[in-house]
Amino acid sequence: MTYVVTDNCIMCKFTDCVEVCPVDCFYEGENTLVIHPDECIDCGVCEPECPADAIRPDTEPDMEKWVEFNRTYSEKWPVITQKKDPMPNATEMDGKEGKLEEFFSEKPGDGD
């Protein structure tokens, strides 16, 4: 099992999860985070830290696409290990439908 970041992180990018990760497997895009599925040790400490409920175990239904999404972008983006401020409209964007299609950016974030 591994954990992955889903579309609800897009335009929220809360980073509470990165502070608790013991293996630094989070990577930062311009407006979202991903987890490298091969680096995640399945400890699960990140999942309850996410205010947007965007971190899910890959054992849930239809998670295959999110495993690949997380793998793809974790290999392109810089690692992030320290908490940063969320996106400016994070609270308003939390739970919004269609974020992947409408708002996702492939650009990397700043990382640490």
PDB file of N, CA and C in Angstrom:
ATOM      1  N   MET A   1       0.844  -1.188   0.000  1.00  0.00           N
ATOM      2  CA  MET A   1       0.000   0.000   0.000  1.00  0.00           C
ATOM      3  C   MET A   1       0.886   1.246   0.000  1.00  0.00           C
ATOM      4  N   THR A   2       0.344   2.304  -0.538  1.00  0.00           N
ATOM      5  CA  THR A   2       0.989   3.611  -0.511  1.00  0.00           C
ATOM      6  C   THR A   2      -0.100   4.668  -0.357  1.00  0.00           C
ATOM      7  N   TYR A   3       0.298   5.858  -0.058  1.00  0.00           N
ATOM      8  CA  TYR A   3      -0.637   6.979   0.004  1.00  0.00           C
ATOM      9  C   TYR A   3      -0.382   7.876  -1.192  1.00  0.00           C
ATOM     10  N   VAL A   4      -1.437   8.531  -1.666  1.00  0.00           N
ATOM     11  CA  VAL A   4      -1.331   9.429  -2.805  1.00  0.00           C
ATOM     12  C   VAL A   4      -2.133  10.694  -2.527  1.00  0.00           C
ATOM     13  N   VAL A   5      -1.755  11.751  -3.220  1.00  0.00           N
ATOM     14  CA  VAL A   5      -2.479  13.017  -3.138  1.00  0.00           C
ATOM     15  C   VAL A   5      -3.468  13.052  -4.296  1.00  0.00           C
ATOM     16  N   THR A   6      -4.696  13.443  -4.009  1.00  0.00           N
ATOM     17  CA  THR A   6      -5.738  13.517  -5.038  1.00  0.00           C
ATOM     18  C   THR A   6      -6.032  14.971  -5.405  1.00  0.00           C
ATOM     19  N   ASP A   7      -7.000  15.162  -6.265  1.00  0.00           N
ATOM     20  CA  ASP A   7      -7.279  16.483  -6.844  1.00  0.00           C
ATOM     21  C   ASP A   7      -7.739  17.539  -5.851  1.00  0.00           C
ATOM     22  N   ASN A   8      -8.183  17.163  -4.673  1.00  0.00           N
ATOM     23  CA  ASN A   8      -8.635  18.209  -3.755  1.00  0.00           C
ATOM     24  C   ASN A   8      -7.473  19.054  -3.227  1.00  0.00           C
ATOM     25  N   CYS A   9      -6.254  18.609  -3.411  1.00  0.00           N
ATOM     26  CA  CYS A   9      -5.090  19.416  -3.006  1.00  0.00           C
ATOM     27  C   CYS A   9      -4.878  20.595  -3.968  1.00  0.00           C
ATOM     28  N   ILE A  10      -5.304  20.444  -5.197  1.00  0.00           N
ATOM     29  CA  ILE A  10      -5.084  21.472  -6.211  1.00  0.00           C
ATOM     30  C   ILE A  10      -5.743  22.786  -5.772  1.00  0.00           C
ATOM     31  N   MET A  11      -4.968  23.849  -5.821  1.00  0.00           N
ATOM     32  CA  MET A  11      -5.376  25.204  -5.431  1.00  0.00           C
ATOM     33  C   MET A  11      -5.595  25.362  -3.925  1.00  0.00           C
ATOM     34  N   CYS A  12      -5.296  24.324  -3.148  1.00  0.00           N
ATOM     35  CA  CYS A  12      -5.299  24.435  -1.692  1.00  0.00           C
ATOM     36  C   CYS A  12      -3.851  24.389  -1.207  1.00  0.00           C
ATOM     37  N   LYS A  13      -3.184  23.294  -1.515  1.00  0.00           N
ATOM     38  CA  LYS A  13      -1.777  23.053  -1.186  1.00  0.00           C
ATOM     39  C   LYS A  13      -1.459  23.355   0.276  1.00  0.00           C
ATOM     40  N   PHE A  14      -2.253  22.729   1.148  1.00  0.00           N
ATOM     41  CA  PHE A  14      -1.900  22.745   2.566  1.00  0.00           C
ATOM     42  C   PHE A  14      -0.656  21.875   2.717  1.00  0.00           C
ATOM     43  N   THR A  15       0.275  22.268   3.535  1.00  0.00           N
ATOM     44  CA  THR A  15       1.520  21.518   3.654  1.00  0.00           C
ATOM     45  C   THR A  15       1.749  20.944   5.048  1.00  0.00           C
ATOM     46  N   ASP A  16       0.687  20.814   5.811  1.00  0.00           N
ATOM     47  CA  ASP A  16       0.793  20.224   7.145  1.00  0.00           C
ATOM     48  C   ASP A  16       1.386  18.810   7.067  1.00  0.00           C
ATOM     49  N   CYS A  17       1.079  18.117   5.989  1.00  0.00           N
ATOM     50  CA  CYS A  17       1.497  16.735   5.786  1.00  0.00           C
ATOM     51  C   CYS A  17       3.009  16.580   5.670  1.00  0.00           C
ATOM     52  N   VAL A  18       3.678  17.534   5.059  1.00  0.00           N
ATOM     53  CA  VAL A  18       5.113  17.379   4.802  1.00  0.00           C
ATOM     54  C   VAL A  18       5.935  17.405   6.087  1.00  0.00           C
ATOM     55  N   GLU A  19       5.461  18.113   7.086  1.00  0.00           N
ATOM     56  CA  GLU A  19       6.186  18.204   8.361  1.00  0.00           C
ATOM     57  C   GLU A  19       6.230  16.877   9.107  1.00  0.00           C
ATOM     58  N   VAL A  20       5.215  16.056   8.936  1.00  0.00           N
ATOM     59  CA  VAL A  20       5.150  14.801   9.686  1.00  0.00           C
ATOM     60  C   VAL A  20       5.719  13.608   8.919  1.00  0.00           C
ATOM     61  N   CYS A  21       6.002  13.777   7.642  1.00  0.00           N
ATOM     62  CA  CYS A  21       6.499  12.671   6.820  1.00  0.00           C
ATOM     63  C   CYS A  21       7.919  12.287   7.237  1.00  0.00           C
ATOM     64  N   PRO A  22       8.123  11.037   7.664  1.00  0.00           N
ATOM     65  CA  PRO A  22       9.456  10.633   8.121  1.00  0.00           C
ATOM     66  C   PRO A  22      10.447  10.353   6.987  1.00  0.00           C
ATOM     67  N   VAL A  23       9.966  10.257   5.743  1.00  0.00           N
ATOM     68  CA  VAL A  23      10.873   9.907   4.636  1.00  0.00           C
ATOM     69  C   VAL A  23      10.938  10.978   3.550  1.00  0.00           C
ATOM     70  N   ASP A  24      10.313  12.115   3.755  1.00  0.00           N
ATOM     71  CA  ASP A  24      10.381  13.226   2.795  1.00  0.00           C
ATOM     72  C   ASP A  24      10.003  12.802   1.377  1.00  0.00           C
ATOM     73  N   CYS A  25       8.825  12.220   1.235  1.00  0.00           N
ATOM     74  CA  CYS A  25       8.381  11.737  -0.083  1.00  0.00           C
ATOM     75  C   CYS A  25       7.367  12.657  -0.754  1.00  0.00           C
ATOM     76  N   PHE A  26       7.215  13.897  -0.259  1.00  0.00           N
ATOM     77  CA  PHE A  26       6.316  14.869  -0.877  1.00  0.00           C
ATOM     78  C   PHE A  26       7.084  15.749  -1.854  1.00  0.00           C
ATOM     79  N   TYR A  27       6.421  16.062  -2.960  1.00  0.00           N
ATOM     80  CA  TYR A  27       7.008  16.907  -4.003  1.00  0.00           C
ATOM     81  C   TYR A  27       6.032  18.013  -4.322  1.00  0.00           C
ATOM     82  N   GLU A  28       6.589  19.199  -4.644  1.00  0.00           N
ATOM     83  CA  GLU A  28       5.761  20.390  -4.765  1.00  0.00           C
ATOM     84  C   GLU A  28       5.621  20.882  -6.201  1.00  0.00           C
ATOM     85  N   GLY A  29       4.363  21.002  -6.619  1.00  0.00           N
ATOM     86  CA  GLY A  29       4.042  21.670  -7.861  1.00  0.00           C
ATOM     87  C   GLY A  29       3.624  23.100  -7.577  1.00  0.00           C
ATOM     88  N   GLU A  30       3.357  23.840  -8.620  1.00  0.00           N
ATOM     89  CA  GLU A  30       2.962  25.244  -8.464  1.00  0.00           C
ATOM     90  C   GLU A  30       1.728  25.394  -7.583  1.00  0.00           C
ATOM     91  N   ASN A  31       0.728  24.486  -7.735  1.00  0.00           N
ATOM     92  CA  ASN A  31      -0.496  24.645  -6.961  1.00  0.00           C
ATOM     93  C   ASN A  31      -1.012  23.353  -6.317  1.00  0.00           C
ATOM     94  N   THR A  32      -0.132  22.378  -6.152  1.00  0.00           N
ATOM     95  CA  THR A  32      -0.514  21.124  -5.500  1.00  0.00           C
ATOM     96  C   THR A  32       0.727  20.379  -5.033  1.00  0.00           C
ATOM     97  N   LEU A  33       0.516  19.306  -4.307  1.00  0.00           N
ATOM     98  CA  LEU A  33       1.584  18.419  -3.866  1.00  0.00           C
ATOM     99  C   LEU A  33       1.327  17.024  -4.419  1.00  0.00           C
ATOM    100  N   VAL A  34       2.359  16.202  -4.448  1.00  0.00           N
ATOM    101  CA  VAL A  34       2.215  14.778  -4.758  1.00  0.00           C
ATOM    102  C   VAL A  34       3.132  13.995  -3.823  1.00  0.00           C
ATOM    103  N   ILE A  35       2.881  12.702  -3.732  1.00  0.00           N
ATOM    104  CA  ILE A  35       3.696  11.779  -2.956  1.00  0.00           C
ATOM    105  C   ILE A  35       4.335  10.801  -3.936  1.00  0.00           C
ATOM    106  N   HIS A  36       5.629  10.562  -3.792  1.00  0.00           N
ATOM    107  CA  HIS A  36       6.274   9.555  -4.636  1.00  0.00           C
ATOM    108  C   HIS A  36       5.869   8.187  -4.094  1.00  0.00           C
ATOM    109  N   PRO A  37       5.092   7.413  -4.860  1.00  0.00           N
ATOM    110  CA  PRO A  37       4.569   6.151  -4.331  1.00  0.00           C
ATOM    111  C   PRO A  37       5.648   5.113  -4.011  1.00  0.00           C
ATOM    112  N   ASP A  38       6.810   5.209  -4.643  1.00  0.00           N
ATOM    113  CA  ASP A  38       7.874   4.253  -4.358  1.00  0.00           C
ATOM    114  C   ASP A  38       8.702   4.655  -3.137  1.00  0.00           C
ATOM    115  N   GLU A  39       8.575   5.894  -2.698  1.00  0.00           N
ATOM    116  CA  GLU A  39       9.302   6.363  -1.522  1.00  0.00           C
ATOM    117  C   GLU A  39       8.447   6.319  -0.255  1.00  0.00           C
ATOM    118  N   CYS A  40       7.141   6.377  -0.426  1.00  0.00           N
ATOM    119  CA  CYS A  40       6.211   6.335   0.707  1.00  0.00           C
ATOM    120  C   CYS A  40       6.353   4.994   1.431  1.00  0.00           C
ATOM    121  N   ILE A  41       6.447   5.044   2.761  1.00  0.00           N
ATOM    122  CA  ILE A  41       6.593   3.821   3.548  1.00  0.00           C
ATOM    123  C   ILE A  41       5.265   3.378   4.169  1.00  0.00           C
ATOM    124  N   ASP A  42       4.179   3.981   3.725  1.00  0.00           N
ATOM    125  CA  ASP A  42       2.835   3.575   4.131  1.00  0.00           C
ATOM    126  C   ASP A  42       2.558   3.734   5.623  1.00  0.00           C
ATOM    127  N   CYS A  43       3.204   4.710   6.237  1.00  0.00           N
ATOM    128  CA  CYS A  43       3.003   4.892   7.678  1.00  0.00           C
ATOM    129  C   CYS A  43       1.658   5.550   7.981  1.00  0.00           C
ATOM    130  N   GLY A  44       1.152   6.346   7.041  1.00  0.00           N
ATOM    131  CA  GLY A  44      -0.157   6.955   7.206  1.00  0.00           C
ATOM    132  C   GLY A  44      -0.229   8.185   8.082  1.00  0.00           C
ATOM    133  N   VAL A  45       0.892   8.684   8.579  1.00  0.00           N
ATOM    134  CA  VAL A  45       0.835   9.847   9.458  1.00  0.00           C
ATOM    135  C   VAL A  45       0.404  11.118   8.731  1.00  0.00           C
ATOM    136  N   CYS A  46       0.586  11.171   7.429  1.00  0.00           N
ATOM    137  CA  CYS A  46       0.224  12.359   6.657  1.00  0.00           C
ATOM    138  C   CYS A  46      -1.279  12.502   6.445  1.00  0.00           C
ATOM    139  N   GLU A  47      -1.968  11.396   6.303  1.00  0.00           N
ATOM    140  CA  GLU A  47      -3.392  11.429   5.944  1.00  0.00           C
ATOM    141  C   GLU A  47      -4.242  12.272   6.893  1.00  0.00           C
ATOM    142  N   PRO A  48      -4.174  12.074   8.203  1.00  0.00           N
ATOM    143  CA  PRO A  48      -5.012  12.886   9.094  1.00  0.00           C
ATOM    144  C   PRO A  48      -4.572  14.346   9.203  1.00  0.00           C
ATOM    145  N   GLU A  49      -3.365  14.671   8.751  1.00  0.00           N
ATOM    146  CA  GLU A  49      -2.865  16.043   8.826  1.00  0.00           C
ATOM    147  C   GLU A  49      -3.419  16.940   7.727  1.00  0.00           C
ATOM    148  N   CYS A  50      -3.981  16.348   6.680  1.00  0.00           N
ATOM    149  CA  CYS A  50      -4.445  17.128   5.535  1.00  0.00           C
ATOM    150  C   CYS A  50      -5.820  17.744   5.796  1.00  0.00           C
ATOM    151  N   PRO A  51      -5.899  19.076   5.918  1.00  0.00           N
ATOM    152  CA  PRO A  51      -7.185  19.728   6.165  1.00  0.00           C
ATOM    153  C   PRO A  51      -8.179  19.562   5.013  1.00  0.00           C
ATOM    154  N   ALA A  52      -7.669  19.298   3.807  1.00  0.00           N
ATOM    155  CA  ALA A  52      -8.534  19.159   2.637  1.00  0.00           C
ATOM    156  C   ALA A  52      -8.905  17.703   2.346  1.00  0.00           C
ATOM    157  N   ASP A  53      -8.470  16.772   3.178  1.00  0.00           N
ATOM    158  CA  ASP A  53      -8.751  15.352   2.980  1.00  0.00           C
ATOM    159  C   ASP A  53      -8.340  14.906   1.565  1.00  0.00           C
ATOM    160  N   ALA A  54      -7.182  15.368   1.123  1.00  0.00           N
ATOM    161  CA  ALA A  54      -6.713  15.063  -0.229  1.00  0.00           C
ATOM    162  C   ALA A  54      -5.749  13.881  -0.282  1.00  0.00           C
ATOM    163  N   ILE A  55      -5.333  13.360   0.848  1.00  0.00           N
ATOM    164  CA  ILE A  55      -4.417  12.224   0.880  1.00  0.00           C
ATOM    165  C   ILE A  55      -5.224  10.962   1.147  1.00  0.00           C
ATOM    166  N   ARG A  56      -5.082   9.994   0.237  1.00  0.00           N
ATOM    167  CA  ARG A  56      -5.868   8.767   0.330  1.00  0.00           C
ATOM    168  C   ARG A  56      -4.961   7.551   0.158  1.00  0.00           C
ATOM    169  N   PRO A  57      -5.323   6.417   0.755  1.00  0.00           N
ATOM    170  CA  PRO A  57      -4.561   5.189   0.514  1.00  0.00           C
ATOM    171  C   PRO A  57      -4.885   4.649  -0.884  1.00  0.00           C
ATOM    172  N   ASP A  58      -3.913   4.019  -1.511  1.00  0.00           N
ATOM    173  CA  ASP A  58      -4.137   3.501  -2.858  1.00  0.00           C
ATOM    174  C   ASP A  58      -5.046   2.280  -2.885  1.00  0.00           C
ATOM    175  N   THR A  59      -5.456   1.809  -1.722  1.00  0.00           N
ATOM    176  CA  THR A  59      -6.357   0.660  -1.654  1.00  0.00           C
ATOM    177  C   THR A  59      -7.822   1.049  -1.859  1.00  0.00           C
ATOM    178  N   GLU A  60      -8.113   2.334  -1.872  1.00  0.00           N
ATOM    179  CA  GLU A  60      -9.487   2.773  -2.152  1.00  0.00           C
ATOM    180  C   GLU A  60      -9.797   2.572  -3.630  1.00  0.00           C
ATOM    181  N   PRO A  61     -11.071   2.480  -3.994  1.00  0.00           N
ATOM    182  CA  PRO A  61     -11.437   2.278  -5.397  1.00  0.00           C
ATOM    183  C   PRO A  61     -10.947   3.411  -6.302  1.00  0.00           C
ATOM    184  N   ASP A  62     -10.565   3.055  -7.511  1.00  0.00           N
ATOM    185  CA  ASP A  62     -10.164   3.999  -8.569  1.00  0.00           C
ATOM    186  C   ASP A  62      -8.957   4.853  -8.222  1.00  0.00           C
ATOM    187  N   MET A  63      -8.048   4.330  -7.468  1.00  0.00           N
ATOM    188  CA  MET A  63      -6.854   5.095  -7.095  1.00  0.00           C
ATOM    189  C   MET A  63      -5.691   4.885  -8.062  1.00  0.00           C
ATOM    190  N   GLU A  64      -5.807   3.937  -8.999  1.00  0.00           N
ATOM    191  CA  GLU A  64      -4.702   3.657  -9.916  1.00  0.00           C
ATOM    192  C   GLU A  64      -4.254   4.911 -10.655  1.00  0.00           C
ATOM    193  N   LYS A  65      -5.205   5.718 -11.122  1.00  0.00           N
ATOM    194  CA  LYS A  65      -4.833   6.923 -11.875  1.00  0.00           C
ATOM    195  C   LYS A  65      -4.087   7.916 -10.991  1.00  0.00           C
ATOM    196  N   TRP A  66      -4.421   7.955  -9.692  1.00  0.00           N
ATOM    197  CA  TRP A  66      -3.744   8.871  -8.783  1.00  0.00           C
ATOM    198  C   TRP A  66      -2.340   8.378  -8.426  1.00  0.00           C
ATOM    199  N   VAL A  67      -2.151   7.067  -8.392  1.00  0.00           N
ATOM    200  CA  VAL A  67      -0.806   6.528  -8.163  1.00  0.00           C
ATOM    201  C   VAL A  67       0.094   6.965  -9.317  1.00  0.00           C
ATOM    202  N   GLU A  68      -0.381   6.813 -10.538  1.00  0.00           N
ATOM    203  CA  GLU A  68       0.416   7.210 -11.706  1.00  0.00           C
ATOM    204  C   GLU A  68       0.622   8.725 -11.759  1.00  0.00           C
ATOM    205  N   PHE A  69      -0.402   9.483 -11.446  1.00  0.00           N
ATOM    206  CA  PHE A  69      -0.312  10.941 -11.405  1.00  0.00           C
ATOM    207  C   PHE A  69       0.773  11.360 -10.410  1.00  0.00           C
ATOM    208  N   ASN A  70       0.723  10.795  -9.197  1.00  0.00           N
ATOM    209  CA  ASN A  70       1.706  11.125  -8.163  1.00  0.00           C
ATOM    210  C   ASN A  70       3.110  10.703  -8.587  1.00  0.00           C
ATOM    211  N   ARG A  71       3.235   9.519  -9.194  1.00  0.00           N
ATOM    212  CA  ARG A  71       4.552   9.050  -9.641  1.00  0.00           C
ATOM    213  C   ARG A  71       5.120   9.996 -10.707  1.00  0.00           C
ATOM    214  N   THR A  72       4.310  10.329 -11.687  1.00  0.00           N
ATOM    215  CA  THR A  72       4.749  11.178 -12.794  1.00  0.00           C
ATOM    216  C   THR A  72       5.284  12.514 -12.310  1.00  0.00           C
ATOM    217  N   TYR A  73       4.526  13.194 -11.477  1.00  0.00           N
ATOM    218  CA  TYR A  73       4.922  14.550 -11.057  1.00  0.00           C
ATOM    219  C   TYR A  73       5.972  14.546  -9.953  1.00  0.00           C
ATOM    220  N   SER A  74       6.029  13.500  -9.144  1.00  0.00           N
ATOM    221  CA  SER A  74       7.086  13.450  -8.120  1.00  0.00           C
ATOM    222  C   SER A  74       8.459  13.288  -8.768  1.00  0.00           C
ATOM    223  N   GLU A  75       8.496  12.785  -9.976  1.00  0.00           N
ATOM    224  CA  GLU A  75       9.762  12.634 -10.690  1.00  0.00           C
ATOM    225  C   GLU A  75      10.156  13.915 -11.432  1.00  0.00           C
ATOM    226  N   LYS A  76       9.261  14.906 -11.465  1.00  0.00           N
ATOM    227  CA  LYS A  76       9.528  16.165 -12.166  1.00  0.00           C
ATOM    228  C   LYS A  76       9.680  17.356 -11.220  1.00  0.00           C
ATOM    229  N   TRP A  77       9.083  17.272 -10.043  1.00  0.00           N
ATOM    230  CA  TRP A  77       9.005  18.408  -9.134  1.00  0.00           C
ATOM    231  C   TRP A  77      10.009  18.287  -7.991  1.00  0.00           C
ATOM    232  N   PRO A  78      10.336  19.415  -7.322  1.00  0.00           N
ATOM    233  CA  PRO A  78      11.272  19.371  -6.196  1.00  0.00           C
ATOM    234  C   PRO A  78      10.618  18.845  -4.914  1.00  0.00           C
ATOM    235  N   VAL A  79      11.449  18.257  -4.077  1.00  0.00           N
ATOM    236  CA  VAL A  79      10.978  17.759  -2.791  1.00  0.00           C
ATOM    237  C   VAL A  79      10.612  18.942  -1.891  1.00  0.00           C
ATOM    238  N   ILE A  80       9.644  18.711  -1.027  1.00  0.00           N
ATOM    239  CA  ILE A  80       9.261  19.709  -0.022  1.00  0.00           C
ATOM    240  C   ILE A  80       9.214  18.997   1.327  1.00  0.00           C
ATOM    241  N   THR A  81       9.872  19.588   2.319  1.00  0.00           N
ATOM    242  CA  THR A  81       9.930  18.976   3.646  1.00  0.00           C
ATOM    243  C   THR A  81       9.492  19.920   4.759  1.00  0.00           C
ATOM    244  N   GLN A  82       9.255  21.175   4.403  1.00  0.00           N
ATOM    245  CA  GLN A  82       8.885  22.155   5.422  1.00  0.00           C
ATOM    246  C   GLN A  82       7.526  22.776   5.106  1.00  0.00           C
ATOM    247  N   LYS A  83       6.779  23.033   6.155  1.00  0.00           N
ATOM    248  CA  LYS A  83       5.457  23.629   6.011  1.00  0.00           C
ATOM    249  C   LYS A  83       5.555  25.043   5.448  1.00  0.00           C
ATOM    250  N   LYS A  84       4.652  25.346   4.527  1.00  0.00           N
ATOM    251  CA  LYS A  84       4.536  26.679   3.936  1.00  0.00           C
ATOM    252  C   LYS A  84       3.082  27.121   4.045  1.00  0.00           C
ATOM    253  N   ASP A  85       2.829  28.369   3.752  1.00  0.00           N
ATOM    254  CA  ASP A  85       1.457  28.853   3.735  1.00  0.00           C
ATOM    255  C   ASP A  85       0.688  28.182   2.600  1.00  0.00           C
ATOM    256  N   PRO A  86      -0.604  27.897   2.807  1.00  0.00           N
ATOM    257  CA  PRO A  86      -1.413  27.329   1.723  1.00  0.00           C
ATOM    258  C   PRO A  86      -1.671  28.368   0.629  1.00  0.00           C
ATOM    259  N   MET A  87      -2.304  27.941  -0.434  1.00  0.00           N
ATOM    260  CA  MET A  87      -2.671  28.847  -1.520  1.00  0.00           C
ATOM    261  C   MET A  87      -3.596  29.931  -0.948  1.00  0.00           C
ATOM    262  N   PRO A  88      -3.592  31.135  -1.514  1.00  0.00           N
ATOM    263  CA  PRO A  88      -4.382  32.250  -0.963  1.00  0.00           C
ATOM    264  C   PRO A  88      -5.883  31.969  -0.812  1.00  0.00           C
ATOM    265  N   ASN A  89      -6.467  31.223  -1.714  1.00  0.00           N
ATOM    266  CA  ASN A  89      -7.910  30.926  -1.653  1.00  0.00           C
ATOM    267  C   ASN A  89      -8.176  29.479  -1.252  1.00  0.00           C
ATOM    268  N   ALA A  90      -7.282  28.892  -0.469  1.00  0.00           N
ATOM    269  CA  ALA A  90      -7.375  27.475  -0.125  1.00  0.00           C
ATOM    270  C   ALA A  90      -8.713  27.103   0.509  1.00  0.00           C
ATOM    271  N   THR A  91      -9.183  27.889   1.428  1.00  0.00           N
ATOM    272  CA  THR A  91     -10.435  27.560   2.116  1.00  0.00           C
ATOM    273  C   THR A  91     -11.610  27.542   1.145  1.00  0.00           C
ATOM    274  N   GLU A  92     -11.659  28.513   0.240  1.00  0.00           N
ATOM    275  CA  GLU A  92     -12.747  28.574  -0.738  1.00  0.00           C
ATOM    276  C   GLU A  92     -12.656  27.444  -1.765  1.00  0.00           C
ATOM    277  N   MET A  93     -11.439  27.007  -2.085  1.00  0.00           N
ATOM    278  CA  MET A  93     -11.240  25.969  -3.101  1.00  0.00           C
ATOM    279  C   MET A  93     -11.404  24.553  -2.560  1.00  0.00           C
ATOM    280  N   ASP A  94     -11.345  24.398  -1.253  1.00  0.00           N
ATOM    281  CA  ASP A  94     -11.472  23.076  -0.638  1.00  0.00           C
ATOM    282  C   ASP A  94     -12.817  22.456  -1.008  1.00  0.00           C
ATOM    283  N   GLY A  95     -12.759  21.292  -1.651  1.00  0.00           N
ATOM    284  CA  GLY A  95     -13.971  20.566  -2.014  1.00  0.00           C
ATOM    285  C   GLY A  95     -14.565  20.931  -3.363  1.00  0.00           C
ATOM    286  N   LYS A  96     -14.003  21.903  -4.050  1.00  0.00           N
ATOM    287  CA  LYS A  96     -14.524  22.311  -5.358  1.00  0.00           C
ATOM    288  C   LYS A  96     -14.337  21.179  -6.368  1.00  0.00           C
ATOM    289  N   GLU A  97     -15.340  20.938  -7.162  1.00  0.00           N
ATOM    290  CA  GLU A  97     -15.298  19.888  -8.183  1.00  0.00           C
ATOM    291  C   GLU A  97     -14.528  20.358  -9.411  1.00  0.00           C
ATOM    292  N   GLY A  98     -13.943  19.418 -10.149  1.00  0.00           N
ATOM    293  CA  GLY A  98     -13.301  19.712 -11.425  1.00  0.00           C
ATOM    294  C   GLY A  98     -11.974  20.441 -11.347  1.00  0.00           C
ATOM    295  N   LYS A  99     -11.306  20.367 -10.218  1.00  0.00           N
ATOM    296  CA  LYS A  99     -10.056  21.120 -10.062  1.00  0.00           C
ATOM    297  C   LYS A  99      -8.946  20.593 -10.967  1.00  0.00           C
ATOM    298  N   LEU A 100      -8.901  19.295 -11.200  1.00  0.00           N
ATOM    299  CA  LEU A 100      -7.850  18.741 -12.053  1.00  0.00           C
ATOM    300  C   LEU A 100      -7.948  19.314 -13.467  1.00  0.00           C
ATOM    301  N   GLU A 101      -9.126  19.328 -14.016  1.00  0.00           N
ATOM    302  CA  GLU A 101      -9.332  19.808 -15.384  1.00  0.00           C
ATOM    303  C   GLU A 101      -9.220  21.331 -15.495  1.00  0.00           C
ATOM    304  N   GLU A 102      -9.659  22.036 -14.488  1.00  0.00           N
ATOM    305  CA  GLU A 102      -9.739  23.487 -14.582  1.00  0.00           C
ATOM    306  C   GLU A 102      -8.511  24.235 -14.045  1.00  0.00           C
ATOM    307  N   PHE A 103      -7.865  23.698 -13.017  1.00  0.00           N
ATOM    308  CA  PHE A 103      -6.840  24.483 -12.332  1.00  0.00           C
ATOM    309  C   PHE A 103      -5.447  23.864 -12.267  1.00  0.00           C
ATOM    310  N   PHE A 104      -5.304  22.578 -12.522  1.00  0.00           N
ATOM    311  CA  PHE A 104      -4.008  21.921 -12.346  1.00  0.00           C
ATOM    312  C   PHE A 104      -2.917  22.546 -13.211  1.00  0.00           C
ATOM    313  N   SER A 105      -1.757  22.789 -12.590  1.00  0.00           N
ATOM    314  CA  SER A 105      -0.587  23.310 -13.292  1.00  0.00           C
ATOM    315  C   SER A 105       0.525  22.263 -13.227  1.00  0.00           C
ATOM    316  N   GLU A 106       1.160  22.007 -14.361  1.00  0.00           N
ATOM    317  CA  GLU A 106       2.292  21.073 -14.402  1.00  0.00           C
ATOM    318  C   GLU A 106       3.601  21.736 -13.959  1.00  0.00           C
ATOM    319  N   LYS A 107       3.566  23.042 -13.729  1.00  0.00           N
ATOM    320  CA  LYS A 107       4.784  23.760 -13.340  1.00  0.00           C
ATOM    321  C   LYS A 107       5.237  23.312 -11.954  1.00  0.00           C
ATOM    322  N   PRO A 108       6.551  23.221 -11.761  1.00  0.00           N
ATOM    323  CA  PRO A 108       7.046  22.846 -10.432  1.00  0.00           C
ATOM    324  C   PRO A 108       6.886  23.977  -9.428  1.00  0.00           C
ATOM    325  N   GLY A 109       6.863  23.613  -8.175  1.00  0.00           N
ATOM    326  CA  GLY A 109       6.878  24.597  -7.096  1.00  0.00           C
ATOM    327  C   GLY A 109       8.320  24.953  -6.774  1.00  0.00           C
ATOM    328  N   ASP A 110       8.515  25.656  -5.677  1.00  0.00           N
ATOM    329  CA  ASP A 110       9.856  26.085  -5.273  1.00  0.00           C
ATOM    330  C   ASP A 110      10.612  25.005  -4.493  1.00  0.00           C
ATOM    331  N   GLY A 111       9.875  24.054  -3.884  1.00  0.00           N
ATOM    332  CA  GLY A 111      10.530  23.078  -3.030  1.00  0.00           C
ATOM    333  C   GLY A 111      11.074  23.762  -1.783  1.00  0.00           C
ATOM    334  N   ASP A 112      11.997  23.089  -1.115  1.00  0.00           N
ATOM    335  CA  ASP A 112      12.589  23.662   0.096  1.00  0.00           C
ATOM    336  C   ASP A 112      13.590  24.748  -0.224  1.00  0.00           C
TER     337      ASP A 112
END
